[in-house]
């Protein structure tokens, strides 16, 4: 159900984001649930992070994500030891919930800002692109996590390291784009409020 469509002004852009079929109430409830999951998973990631920051992995789990070879991944896993590998597994499992949560929060906040701004250009397109970029970032994140969990089960290889790095870089690029666009929407909303166009 496209609840935003009837009230769109002539110059507005029709919604093409992944949540267009949700009602306003449905999006609101989904956002609240995603915020709760996001808060809980952030705590879980924070708890597991310290054990992963070692000499071989100064960036913690990100050092593994960006490793360029199976040999580098193996060195990280050896440096972590059994305790660190257990923390990494826990971190990755928590991230399986964290990824969709941040995608929903970023996307639904962007969609809400787009609606408040009347879906006018460029807000409508920015909102849609933000929602899709965040969602695709989460998909890349989940695929990356699956590869890393498989490494913990069967061991590292150059192929797995390369695939993990590609997915991580894709995730970071899409997430960066989503956040930049979200900040742009916030700026447009602030400007609209300052000029008296919105309450």
N, C-alpha and C. Protein backbone atom coordinates (compact mmCIF):
# COMPACT_ATOMS: atom_id res chain seq x y z
N UNK A 1 0.85 -1.19 0.00
CA UNK A 1 0.00 0.00 0.00
C UNK A 1 0.88 1.23 0.00
N UNK A 2 0.69 2.10 -1.01
CA UNK A 2 1.53 3.29 -1.14
C UNK A 2 0.81 4.45 -0.47
N UNK A 3 1.01 4.63 0.82
CA UNK A 3 0.24 5.62 1.56
C UNK A 3 0.69 7.04 1.29
N UNK A 4 1.92 7.23 0.77
CA UNK A 4 2.40 8.58 0.55
C UNK A 4 1.93 9.15 -0.79
N UNK A 5 1.52 8.29 -1.71
CA UNK A 5 1.26 8.70 -3.07
C UNK A 5 0.14 9.73 -3.24
N UNK A 6 -1.03 9.59 -2.60
CA UNK A 6 -2.13 10.51 -2.86
C UNK A 6 -1.83 11.97 -2.55
N UNK A 7 -1.00 12.23 -1.55
CA UNK A 7 -0.76 13.61 -1.13
C UNK A 7 0.46 14.24 -1.80
N UNK A 8 1.05 13.54 -2.78
CA UNK A 8 2.25 14.06 -3.40
C UNK A 8 1.93 15.29 -4.25
N UNK A 9 2.71 16.37 -4.09
CA UNK A 9 2.54 17.52 -4.97
C UNK A 9 3.00 17.18 -6.38
N UNK A 10 2.58 17.97 -7.40
CA UNK A 10 2.91 17.64 -8.80
C UNK A 10 4.41 17.49 -9.06
N UNK A 11 5.23 18.29 -8.36
CA UNK A 11 6.67 18.24 -8.63
C UNK A 11 7.39 17.16 -7.81
N UNK A 12 6.61 16.38 -7.05
CA UNK A 12 7.22 15.38 -6.18
C UNK A 12 7.61 14.13 -6.97
N UNK A 13 8.49 13.36 -6.36
CA UNK A 13 8.97 12.12 -6.97
C UNK A 13 8.27 10.95 -6.30
N UNK A 14 7.66 10.05 -7.07
CA UNK A 14 6.97 8.89 -6.51
C UNK A 14 7.97 8.00 -5.78
N UNK A 15 7.56 7.40 -4.65
CA UNK A 15 8.49 6.58 -3.86
C UNK A 15 8.94 5.34 -4.61
N UNK A 16 10.24 5.09 -4.59
CA UNK A 16 10.83 3.90 -5.19
C UNK A 16 11.77 3.21 -4.21
N UNK A 17 11.59 3.45 -2.95
CA UNK A 17 12.43 2.84 -1.94
C UNK A 17 11.90 1.44 -1.59
N UNK A 18 12.70 0.62 -0.90
CA UNK A 18 12.29 -0.77 -0.62
C UNK A 18 11.16 -0.90 0.40
N UNK A 19 10.74 0.20 1.01
CA UNK A 19 9.69 0.13 2.03
C UNK A 19 8.40 0.79 1.55
N UNK A 20 8.27 0.97 0.24
CA UNK A 20 7.12 1.70 -0.30
C UNK A 20 5.80 0.98 -0.04
N UNK A 21 5.82 -0.32 0.11
CA UNK A 21 4.58 -1.07 0.33
C UNK A 21 4.14 -1.07 1.79
N UNK A 22 4.99 -0.61 2.68
CA UNK A 22 4.62 -0.52 4.09
C UNK A 22 3.77 0.72 4.34
N UNK A 23 2.80 0.59 5.22
CA UNK A 23 2.03 1.76 5.63
C UNK A 23 2.90 2.65 6.51
N UNK A 24 2.44 3.86 6.73
CA UNK A 24 3.16 4.77 7.61
C UNK A 24 3.30 4.15 9.00
N UNK A 25 2.22 3.55 9.49
CA UNK A 25 2.26 2.90 10.80
C UNK A 25 3.23 1.72 10.78
N UNK A 26 3.23 0.95 9.71
CA UNK A 26 4.14 -0.18 9.60
C UNK A 26 5.58 0.25 9.61
N UNK A 27 5.89 1.34 8.90
CA UNK A 27 7.26 1.84 8.89
C UNK A 27 7.66 2.33 10.27
N UNK A 28 6.74 2.98 10.95
CA UNK A 28 7.04 3.50 12.29
C UNK A 28 7.35 2.34 13.25
N UNK A 29 6.53 1.31 13.21
CA UNK A 29 6.74 0.17 14.11
C UNK A 29 8.03 -0.56 13.77
N UNK A 30 8.30 -0.70 12.49
CA UNK A 30 9.54 -1.35 12.07
C UNK A 30 10.75 -0.57 12.53
N UNK A 31 10.67 0.76 12.43
CA UNK A 31 11.78 1.61 12.87
C UNK A 31 12.02 1.47 14.36
N UNK A 32 10.96 1.46 15.15
CA UNK A 32 11.12 1.32 16.60
C UNK A 32 11.78 -0.02 16.93
N UNK A 33 11.30 -1.09 16.29
CA UNK A 33 11.90 -2.40 16.53
C UNK A 33 13.36 -2.45 16.12
N UNK A 34 13.68 -1.84 14.97
CA UNK A 34 15.06 -1.83 14.49
C UNK A 34 15.96 -1.03 15.43
N UNK A 35 15.45 0.05 15.99
CA UNK A 35 16.23 0.85 16.93
C UNK A 35 16.57 0.04 18.18
N UNK A 36 15.61 -0.75 18.66
CA UNK A 36 15.85 -1.59 19.84
C UNK A 36 16.94 -2.62 19.53
N UNK A 37 16.81 -3.29 18.38
CA UNK A 37 17.81 -4.29 17.98
C UNK A 37 19.17 -3.63 17.79
N UNK A 38 19.18 -2.45 17.19
CA UNK A 38 20.44 -1.73 16.97
C UNK A 38 21.13 -1.43 18.28
N UNK A 39 20.38 -0.96 19.27
CA UNK A 39 20.96 -0.63 20.57
C UNK A 39 21.54 -1.87 21.25
N UNK A 40 20.80 -2.97 21.22
CA UNK A 40 21.25 -4.21 21.87
C UNK A 40 22.50 -4.75 21.17
N UNK A 41 22.48 -4.76 19.84
CA UNK A 41 23.63 -5.32 19.11
C UNK A 41 24.87 -4.44 19.22
N UNK A 42 24.69 -3.13 19.34
CA UNK A 42 25.83 -2.25 19.55
C UNK A 42 26.54 -2.59 20.86
N UNK A 43 25.76 -2.92 21.88
CA UNK A 43 26.35 -3.34 23.16
C UNK A 43 27.13 -4.63 22.97
N UNK A 44 26.52 -5.58 22.25
CA UNK A 44 27.19 -6.86 22.01
C UNK A 44 28.49 -6.69 21.24
N UNK A 45 28.49 -5.83 20.22
CA UNK A 45 29.71 -5.59 19.45
C UNK A 45 30.77 -4.91 20.30
N UNK A 46 30.34 -3.99 21.17
CA UNK A 46 31.28 -3.28 22.04
C UNK A 46 31.92 -4.24 23.05
N UNK A 47 31.16 -5.21 23.52
CA UNK A 47 31.68 -6.16 24.50
C UNK A 47 32.73 -7.07 23.88
N UNK A 48 32.51 -7.48 22.62
CA UNK A 48 33.44 -8.42 21.98
C UNK A 48 34.64 -7.73 21.34
N UNK A 49 34.55 -6.42 21.09
CA UNK A 49 35.60 -5.72 20.34
C UNK A 49 36.98 -5.72 21.01
N UNK A 50 37.10 -5.47 22.32
CA UNK A 50 38.43 -5.35 22.93
C UNK A 50 39.32 -6.58 22.72
N UNK A 51 38.75 -7.77 22.78
CA UNK A 51 39.55 -8.99 22.63
C UNK A 51 40.10 -9.15 21.22
N UNK A 52 39.56 -8.40 20.27
CA UNK A 52 39.97 -8.54 18.87
C UNK A 52 41.02 -7.53 18.45
N UNK A 53 41.35 -6.60 19.32
CA UNK A 53 42.34 -5.58 19.00
C UNK A 53 43.70 -6.02 19.53
N UNK A 54 44.51 -6.58 18.64
CA UNK A 54 45.82 -7.11 19.00
C UNK A 54 46.87 -6.54 18.06
N UNK A 55 48.11 -6.95 18.26
CA UNK A 55 49.20 -6.46 17.42
C UNK A 55 48.98 -6.83 15.95
N UNK A 56 48.47 -8.01 15.69
CA UNK A 56 48.23 -8.45 14.31
C UNK A 56 46.95 -7.87 13.74
N UNK A 57 46.07 -7.40 14.62
CA UNK A 57 44.78 -6.85 14.18
C UNK A 57 44.48 -5.57 14.96
N UNK A 58 45.22 -4.49 14.69
CA UNK A 58 45.00 -3.25 15.44
C UNK A 58 43.61 -2.66 15.24
N UNK A 59 42.99 -3.00 14.13
CA UNK A 59 41.63 -2.52 13.87
C UNK A 59 40.56 -3.51 14.29
N UNK A 60 40.96 -4.54 15.04
CA UNK A 60 39.99 -5.53 15.48
C UNK A 60 39.46 -6.34 14.30
N UNK A 61 38.16 -6.58 14.27
CA UNK A 61 37.55 -7.40 13.23
C UNK A 61 37.73 -6.78 11.85
N UNK A 62 37.86 -5.45 11.79
CA UNK A 62 38.04 -4.77 10.50
C UNK A 62 39.38 -5.15 9.88
N UNK A 63 40.40 -5.39 10.70
CA UNK A 63 41.69 -5.83 10.17
C UNK A 63 41.55 -7.14 9.42
N UNK A 64 40.72 -8.02 9.93
CA UNK A 64 40.45 -9.28 9.24
C UNK A 64 39.66 -9.02 7.95
N UNK A 65 38.64 -8.20 8.04
CA UNK A 65 37.81 -7.91 6.87
C UNK A 65 38.64 -7.38 5.70
N UNK A 66 39.66 -6.60 6.00
CA UNK A 66 40.46 -5.96 4.95
C UNK A 66 41.77 -6.69 4.67
N UNK A 67 41.95 -7.87 5.26
CA UNK A 67 43.16 -8.65 5.01
C UNK A 67 43.26 -9.01 3.53
N UNK A 68 44.47 -8.98 2.99
CA UNK A 68 44.67 -9.18 1.56
C UNK A 68 45.04 -10.61 1.17
N UNK A 69 45.26 -11.46 2.15
CA UNK A 69 45.65 -12.84 1.83
C UNK A 69 45.23 -13.79 2.94
N UNK A 70 45.18 -15.08 2.58
CA UNK A 70 44.89 -16.08 3.59
C UNK A 70 45.96 -16.14 4.65
N UNK A 71 47.20 -15.88 4.26
CA UNK A 71 48.30 -15.89 5.22
C UNK A 71 48.12 -14.80 6.27
N UNK A 72 47.68 -13.62 5.84
CA UNK A 72 47.44 -12.53 6.78
C UNK A 72 46.30 -12.86 7.73
N UNK A 73 45.24 -13.47 7.20
CA UNK A 73 44.12 -13.89 8.05
C UNK A 73 44.59 -14.93 9.06
N UNK A 74 45.39 -15.88 8.60
CA UNK A 74 45.89 -16.93 9.50
C UNK A 74 46.71 -16.32 10.63
N UNK A 75 47.52 -15.32 10.32
CA UNK A 75 48.34 -14.67 11.35
C UNK A 75 47.44 -13.98 12.38
N UNK A 76 46.37 -13.37 11.92
CA UNK A 76 45.43 -12.71 12.84
C UNK A 76 44.78 -13.74 13.75
N UNK A 77 44.32 -14.85 13.17
CA UNK A 77 43.64 -15.87 13.97
C UNK A 77 44.58 -16.50 14.99
N UNK A 78 45.83 -16.71 14.61
CA UNK A 78 46.82 -17.25 15.55
C UNK A 78 47.07 -16.26 16.68
N UNK A 79 47.19 -14.98 16.34
CA UNK A 79 47.43 -13.95 17.34
C UNK A 79 46.27 -13.83 18.31
N UNK A 80 45.07 -14.03 17.83
CA UNK A 80 43.89 -13.95 18.69
C UNK A 80 43.84 -15.10 19.69
N UNK A 81 44.27 -16.28 19.27
CA UNK A 81 44.17 -17.45 20.13
C UNK A 81 42.73 -17.92 20.24
N UNK A 82 42.51 -18.92 21.06
CA UNK A 82 41.18 -19.51 21.20
C UNK A 82 40.17 -18.49 21.72
N UNK A 83 40.59 -17.68 22.69
CA UNK A 83 39.68 -16.70 23.27
C UNK A 83 39.28 -15.64 22.23
N UNK A 84 40.26 -15.17 21.47
CA UNK A 84 39.98 -14.17 20.46
C UNK A 84 39.10 -14.71 19.35
N UNK A 85 39.34 -15.96 18.95
CA UNK A 85 38.51 -16.55 17.90
C UNK A 85 37.07 -16.73 18.37
N UNK A 86 36.90 -17.07 19.64
CA UNK A 86 35.55 -17.18 20.21
C UNK A 86 34.87 -15.81 20.22
N UNK A 87 35.65 -14.78 20.55
CA UNK A 87 35.10 -13.42 20.54
C UNK A 87 34.73 -13.00 19.12
N UNK A 88 35.55 -13.40 18.15
CA UNK A 88 35.27 -13.07 16.75
C UNK A 88 33.99 -13.75 16.30
N UNK A 89 33.81 -15.01 16.66
CA UNK A 89 32.59 -15.72 16.30
C UNK A 89 31.37 -15.04 16.91
N UNK A 90 31.48 -14.66 18.18
CA UNK A 90 30.37 -13.97 18.84
C UNK A 90 30.08 -12.64 18.16
N UNK A 91 31.15 -11.91 17.81
CA UNK A 91 31.01 -10.63 17.13
C UNK A 91 30.27 -10.79 15.81
N UNK A 92 30.65 -11.81 15.04
CA UNK A 92 30.02 -12.05 13.74
C UNK A 92 28.56 -12.46 13.88
N UNK A 93 28.26 -13.25 14.89
CA UNK A 93 26.87 -13.66 15.12
C UNK A 93 26.01 -12.47 15.51
N UNK A 94 26.55 -11.60 16.36
CA UNK A 94 25.80 -10.39 16.73
C UNK A 94 25.59 -9.51 15.50
N UNK A 95 26.60 -9.47 14.64
CA UNK A 95 26.52 -8.62 13.45
C UNK A 95 25.45 -9.10 12.48
N UNK A 96 25.05 -10.36 12.58
CA UNK A 96 23.97 -10.87 11.74
C UNK A 96 22.65 -10.16 12.03
N UNK A 97 22.51 -9.67 13.26
CA UNK A 97 21.32 -8.88 13.61
C UNK A 97 21.59 -7.39 13.45
N UNK A 98 22.85 -6.99 13.69
CA UNK A 98 23.21 -5.58 13.59
C UNK A 98 23.05 -5.04 12.17
N UNK A 99 23.45 -5.83 11.18
CA UNK A 99 23.42 -5.37 9.79
C UNK A 99 22.00 -5.00 9.32
N UNK A 100 21.02 -5.90 9.44
CA UNK A 100 19.68 -5.49 9.02
C UNK A 100 19.11 -4.36 9.88
N UNK A 101 19.52 -4.30 11.15
CA UNK A 101 19.02 -3.23 12.02
C UNK A 101 19.49 -1.87 11.54
N UNK A 102 20.79 -1.72 11.22
CA UNK A 102 21.26 -0.40 10.77
C UNK A 102 20.69 -0.06 9.40
N UNK A 103 20.48 -1.08 8.56
CA UNK A 103 19.88 -0.81 7.25
C UNK A 103 18.47 -0.26 7.40
N UNK A 104 17.70 -0.84 8.29
CA UNK A 104 16.33 -0.39 8.51
C UNK A 104 16.29 1.00 9.13
N UNK A 105 17.14 1.24 10.12
CA UNK A 105 17.14 2.54 10.79
C UNK A 105 17.52 3.64 9.80
N UNK A 106 18.61 3.46 9.08
CA UNK A 106 19.05 4.48 8.13
C UNK A 106 18.01 4.68 7.03
N UNK A 107 17.53 3.57 6.48
CA UNK A 107 16.58 3.65 5.38
C UNK A 107 15.26 4.27 5.78
N UNK A 108 14.71 3.85 6.91
CA UNK A 108 13.41 4.36 7.33
C UNK A 108 13.47 5.81 7.80
N UNK A 109 14.56 6.20 8.41
CA UNK A 109 14.72 7.62 8.78
C UNK A 109 14.80 8.46 7.51
N UNK A 110 15.53 7.97 6.52
CA UNK A 110 15.64 8.69 5.25
C UNK A 110 14.28 8.80 4.57
N UNK A 111 13.53 7.71 4.56
CA UNK A 111 12.20 7.72 3.95
C UNK A 111 11.30 8.72 4.67
N UNK A 112 11.38 8.73 5.99
CA UNK A 112 10.56 9.68 6.76
C UNK A 112 10.92 11.12 6.42
N UNK A 113 12.21 11.40 6.32
CA UNK A 113 12.63 12.76 5.95
C UNK A 113 12.14 13.11 4.54
N UNK A 114 12.19 12.13 3.64
CA UNK A 114 11.71 12.38 2.29
C UNK A 114 10.23 12.72 2.27
N UNK A 115 9.45 12.02 3.10
CA UNK A 115 8.01 12.29 3.18
C UNK A 115 7.77 13.68 3.77
N UNK A 116 8.47 14.01 4.85
CA UNK A 116 8.31 15.31 5.50
C UNK A 116 8.65 16.44 4.53
N UNK A 117 9.64 16.19 3.68
CA UNK A 117 10.05 17.20 2.70
C UNK A 117 9.16 17.19 1.45
N UNK A 118 8.09 16.39 1.49
CA UNK A 118 7.13 16.38 0.40
C UNK A 118 7.55 15.60 -0.82
N UNK A 119 8.59 14.78 -0.69
CA UNK A 119 9.09 13.97 -1.79
C UNK A 119 9.52 14.82 -2.99
N UNK A 120 9.75 16.11 -2.74
CA UNK A 120 10.19 16.98 -3.83
C UNK A 120 11.64 16.66 -4.19
N UNK A 121 12.02 17.01 -5.41
CA UNK A 121 13.40 16.82 -5.83
C UNK A 121 14.28 17.86 -5.13
N UNK A 122 15.45 17.51 -4.62
CA UNK A 122 16.09 16.19 -4.75
C UNK A 122 15.78 15.24 -3.60
N UNK A 123 14.93 15.68 -2.65
CA UNK A 123 14.73 14.89 -1.43
C UNK A 123 14.21 13.49 -1.71
N UNK A 124 13.25 13.38 -2.63
CA UNK A 124 12.67 12.07 -2.90
C UNK A 124 13.71 11.07 -3.41
N UNK A 125 14.49 11.50 -4.38
CA UNK A 125 15.53 10.62 -4.91
C UNK A 125 16.60 10.31 -3.89
N UNK A 126 16.96 11.29 -3.09
CA UNK A 126 17.97 11.06 -2.05
C UNK A 126 17.48 10.05 -1.03
N UNK A 127 16.20 10.16 -0.63
CA UNK A 127 15.64 9.23 0.35
C UNK A 127 15.64 7.80 -0.19
N UNK A 128 15.21 7.66 -1.44
CA UNK A 128 15.16 6.32 -2.04
C UNK A 128 16.56 5.72 -2.16
N UNK A 129 17.51 6.52 -2.64
CA UNK A 129 18.88 6.03 -2.80
C UNK A 129 19.51 5.67 -1.46
N UNK A 130 19.23 6.47 -0.44
CA UNK A 130 19.74 6.17 0.90
C UNK A 130 19.23 4.83 1.39
N UNK A 131 17.93 4.60 1.24
CA UNK A 131 17.34 3.35 1.72
C UNK A 131 17.92 2.15 0.99
N UNK A 132 18.08 2.26 -0.34
CA UNK A 132 18.64 1.14 -1.10
C UNK A 132 20.12 0.92 -0.78
N UNK A 133 20.88 2.00 -0.65
CA UNK A 133 22.31 1.87 -0.34
C UNK A 133 22.51 1.20 1.00
N UNK A 134 21.73 1.59 2.01
CA UNK A 134 21.85 0.98 3.34
C UNK A 134 21.47 -0.50 3.30
N UNK A 135 20.42 -0.81 2.55
CA UNK A 135 19.98 -2.20 2.45
C UNK A 135 21.03 -3.06 1.74
N UNK A 136 21.60 -2.56 0.66
CA UNK A 136 22.63 -3.31 -0.07
C UNK A 136 23.91 -3.45 0.76
N UNK A 137 24.21 -2.42 1.57
CA UNK A 137 25.36 -2.51 2.48
C UNK A 137 25.15 -3.65 3.47
N UNK A 138 23.93 -3.78 3.98
CA UNK A 138 23.64 -4.85 4.93
C UNK A 138 23.75 -6.22 4.27
N UNK A 139 23.30 -6.33 3.01
CA UNK A 139 23.41 -7.59 2.29
C UNK A 139 24.89 -7.98 2.14
N UNK A 140 25.73 -7.01 1.75
CA UNK A 140 27.16 -7.27 1.63
C UNK A 140 27.75 -7.65 2.99
N UNK A 141 27.30 -6.99 4.04
CA UNK A 141 27.76 -7.27 5.39
C UNK A 141 27.43 -8.71 5.79
N UNK A 142 26.20 -9.13 5.52
CA UNK A 142 25.79 -10.49 5.88
C UNK A 142 26.57 -11.53 5.09
N UNK A 143 26.82 -11.27 3.81
CA UNK A 143 27.61 -12.20 3.00
C UNK A 143 29.05 -12.28 3.52
N UNK A 144 29.58 -11.13 3.89
CA UNK A 144 30.93 -11.08 4.47
C UNK A 144 31.00 -11.89 5.76
N UNK A 145 29.99 -11.74 6.62
CA UNK A 145 29.95 -12.49 7.87
C UNK A 145 29.91 -13.99 7.62
N UNK A 146 29.14 -14.40 6.62
CA UNK A 146 29.04 -15.83 6.30
C UNK A 146 30.40 -16.38 5.88
N UNK A 147 31.13 -15.62 5.08
CA UNK A 147 32.46 -16.07 4.67
C UNK A 147 33.41 -16.17 5.86
N UNK A 148 33.34 -15.19 6.74
CA UNK A 148 34.24 -15.18 7.89
C UNK A 148 33.92 -16.31 8.86
N UNK A 149 32.65 -16.61 9.03
CA UNK A 149 32.28 -17.75 9.88
C UNK A 149 32.76 -19.05 9.26
N UNK A 150 32.73 -19.12 7.93
CA UNK A 150 33.23 -20.33 7.27
C UNK A 150 34.75 -20.48 7.46
N UNK A 151 35.46 -19.34 7.48
CA UNK A 151 36.90 -19.38 7.73
C UNK A 151 37.18 -19.93 9.13
N UNK A 152 36.39 -19.52 10.11
CA UNK A 152 36.57 -20.03 11.47
C UNK A 152 36.32 -21.53 11.53
N UNK A 153 35.49 -22.03 10.60
CA UNK A 153 35.16 -23.46 10.60
C UNK A 153 36.16 -24.29 9.80
N UNK A 154 36.61 -23.77 8.64
CA UNK A 154 37.44 -24.60 7.75
C UNK A 154 38.85 -24.06 7.54
N UNK A 155 39.12 -22.83 7.99
CA UNK A 155 40.44 -22.25 7.83
C UNK A 155 40.50 -21.23 6.71
N UNK A 156 41.51 -20.36 6.73
CA UNK A 156 41.62 -19.27 5.76
C UNK A 156 42.18 -19.74 4.42
N UNK A 157 41.92 -18.92 3.40
CA UNK A 157 42.49 -19.14 2.07
C UNK A 157 42.56 -17.80 1.37
N UNK A 158 43.37 -17.71 0.33
CA UNK A 158 43.47 -16.46 -0.42
C UNK A 158 42.14 -16.09 -1.06
N UNK A 159 41.42 -17.09 -1.57
CA UNK A 159 40.14 -16.82 -2.21
C UNK A 159 39.12 -16.25 -1.24
N UNK A 160 39.03 -16.82 -0.06
CA UNK A 160 38.10 -16.32 0.95
C UNK A 160 38.51 -14.93 1.43
N UNK A 161 39.82 -14.72 1.57
CA UNK A 161 40.30 -13.40 2.00
C UNK A 161 39.94 -12.34 0.96
N UNK A 162 40.13 -12.66 -0.31
CA UNK A 162 39.83 -11.71 -1.39
C UNK A 162 38.34 -11.41 -1.45
N UNK A 163 37.51 -12.44 -1.33
CA UNK A 163 36.06 -12.24 -1.38
C UNK A 163 35.58 -11.42 -0.18
N UNK A 164 36.14 -11.72 0.99
CA UNK A 164 35.76 -10.98 2.20
C UNK A 164 36.14 -9.51 2.08
N UNK A 165 37.33 -9.25 1.59
CA UNK A 165 37.79 -7.86 1.42
C UNK A 165 36.91 -7.11 0.42
N UNK A 166 36.55 -7.76 -0.68
CA UNK A 166 35.70 -7.12 -1.68
C UNK A 166 34.34 -6.77 -1.09
N UNK A 167 33.77 -7.69 -0.35
CA UNK A 167 32.47 -7.44 0.29
C UNK A 167 32.57 -6.33 1.33
N UNK A 168 33.66 -6.33 2.10
CA UNK A 168 33.84 -5.30 3.13
C UNK A 168 33.96 -3.92 2.50
N UNK A 169 34.75 -3.80 1.44
CA UNK A 169 34.91 -2.52 0.78
C UNK A 169 33.60 -2.05 0.15
N UNK A 170 32.85 -2.99 -0.41
CA UNK A 170 31.53 -2.66 -0.97
C UNK A 170 30.60 -2.16 0.13
N UNK A 171 30.61 -2.87 1.25
CA UNK A 171 29.78 -2.49 2.39
C UNK A 171 30.12 -1.08 2.87
N UNK A 172 31.40 -0.81 3.06
CA UNK A 172 31.81 0.50 3.56
C UNK A 172 31.46 1.61 2.57
N UNK A 173 31.62 1.35 1.28
CA UNK A 173 31.30 2.36 0.27
C UNK A 173 29.81 2.66 0.26
N UNK A 174 28.97 1.62 0.29
CA UNK A 174 27.52 1.82 0.28
C UNK A 174 27.04 2.48 1.56
N UNK A 175 27.62 2.06 2.68
CA UNK A 175 27.22 2.65 3.96
C UNK A 175 27.65 4.11 4.03
N UNK A 176 28.84 4.42 3.52
CA UNK A 176 29.29 5.81 3.47
C UNK A 176 28.37 6.66 2.61
N UNK A 177 27.98 6.12 1.45
CA UNK A 177 27.05 6.85 0.58
C UNK A 177 25.73 7.10 1.29
N UNK A 178 25.21 6.07 1.96
CA UNK A 178 23.93 6.20 2.66
C UNK A 178 24.00 7.27 3.75
N UNK A 179 25.09 7.29 4.50
CA UNK A 179 25.21 8.26 5.59
C UNK A 179 25.38 9.69 5.06
N UNK A 180 26.14 9.84 3.96
CA UNK A 180 26.29 11.17 3.36
C UNK A 180 24.95 11.69 2.87
N UNK A 181 24.18 10.82 2.19
CA UNK A 181 22.86 11.23 1.70
C UNK A 181 21.91 11.52 2.86
N UNK A 182 22.01 10.73 3.93
CA UNK A 182 21.16 10.98 5.09
C UNK A 182 21.46 12.35 5.70
N UNK A 183 22.74 12.68 5.79
CA UNK A 183 23.11 14.01 6.29
C UNK A 183 22.59 15.10 5.36
N UNK A 184 22.60 14.82 4.05
CA UNK A 184 22.04 15.78 3.10
C UNK A 184 20.56 15.99 3.31
N UNK A 185 19.83 14.92 3.60
CA UNK A 185 18.40 15.04 3.89
C UNK A 185 18.16 15.83 5.17
N UNK A 186 18.98 15.59 6.17
CA UNK A 186 18.87 16.35 7.43
C UNK A 186 19.11 17.84 7.15
N UNK A 187 20.09 18.14 6.31
CA UNK A 187 20.38 19.54 5.96
C UNK A 187 19.21 20.17 5.22
N UNK A 188 18.60 19.42 4.30
CA UNK A 188 17.44 19.93 3.57
C UNK A 188 16.27 20.18 4.53
N UNK A 189 16.09 19.28 5.47
CA UNK A 189 15.01 19.45 6.46
C UNK A 189 15.27 20.68 7.33
N UNK A 190 16.52 20.85 7.75
CA UNK A 190 16.87 22.01 8.57
C UNK A 190 16.64 23.30 7.79
N UNK A 191 17.01 23.30 6.51
CA UNK A 191 16.82 24.49 5.69
C UNK A 191 15.34 24.78 5.49
N UNK A 192 14.53 23.73 5.31
CA UNK A 192 13.09 23.90 5.15
C UNK A 192 12.48 24.50 6.41
N UNK A 193 12.90 24.01 7.56
CA UNK A 193 12.39 24.53 8.83
C UNK A 193 12.80 25.99 9.01
N UNK A 194 14.06 26.28 8.67
CA UNK A 194 14.57 27.64 8.84
C UNK A 194 13.83 28.65 7.95
N UNK A 195 13.39 28.15 6.77
CA UNK A 195 12.69 29.05 5.84
C UNK A 195 11.19 29.04 6.06
N UNK A 196 10.73 28.28 7.06
CA UNK A 196 9.30 28.25 7.38
C UNK A 196 8.49 27.34 6.53
N UNK A 197 9.15 26.42 5.75
CA UNK A 197 8.40 25.51 4.88
C UNK A 197 7.91 24.28 5.62
N UNK A 198 8.45 24.01 6.80
CA UNK A 198 8.04 22.84 7.55
C UNK A 198 7.94 23.16 9.01
N UNK A 199 7.15 22.36 9.73
CA UNK A 199 6.99 22.61 11.15
C UNK A 199 8.06 21.87 11.94
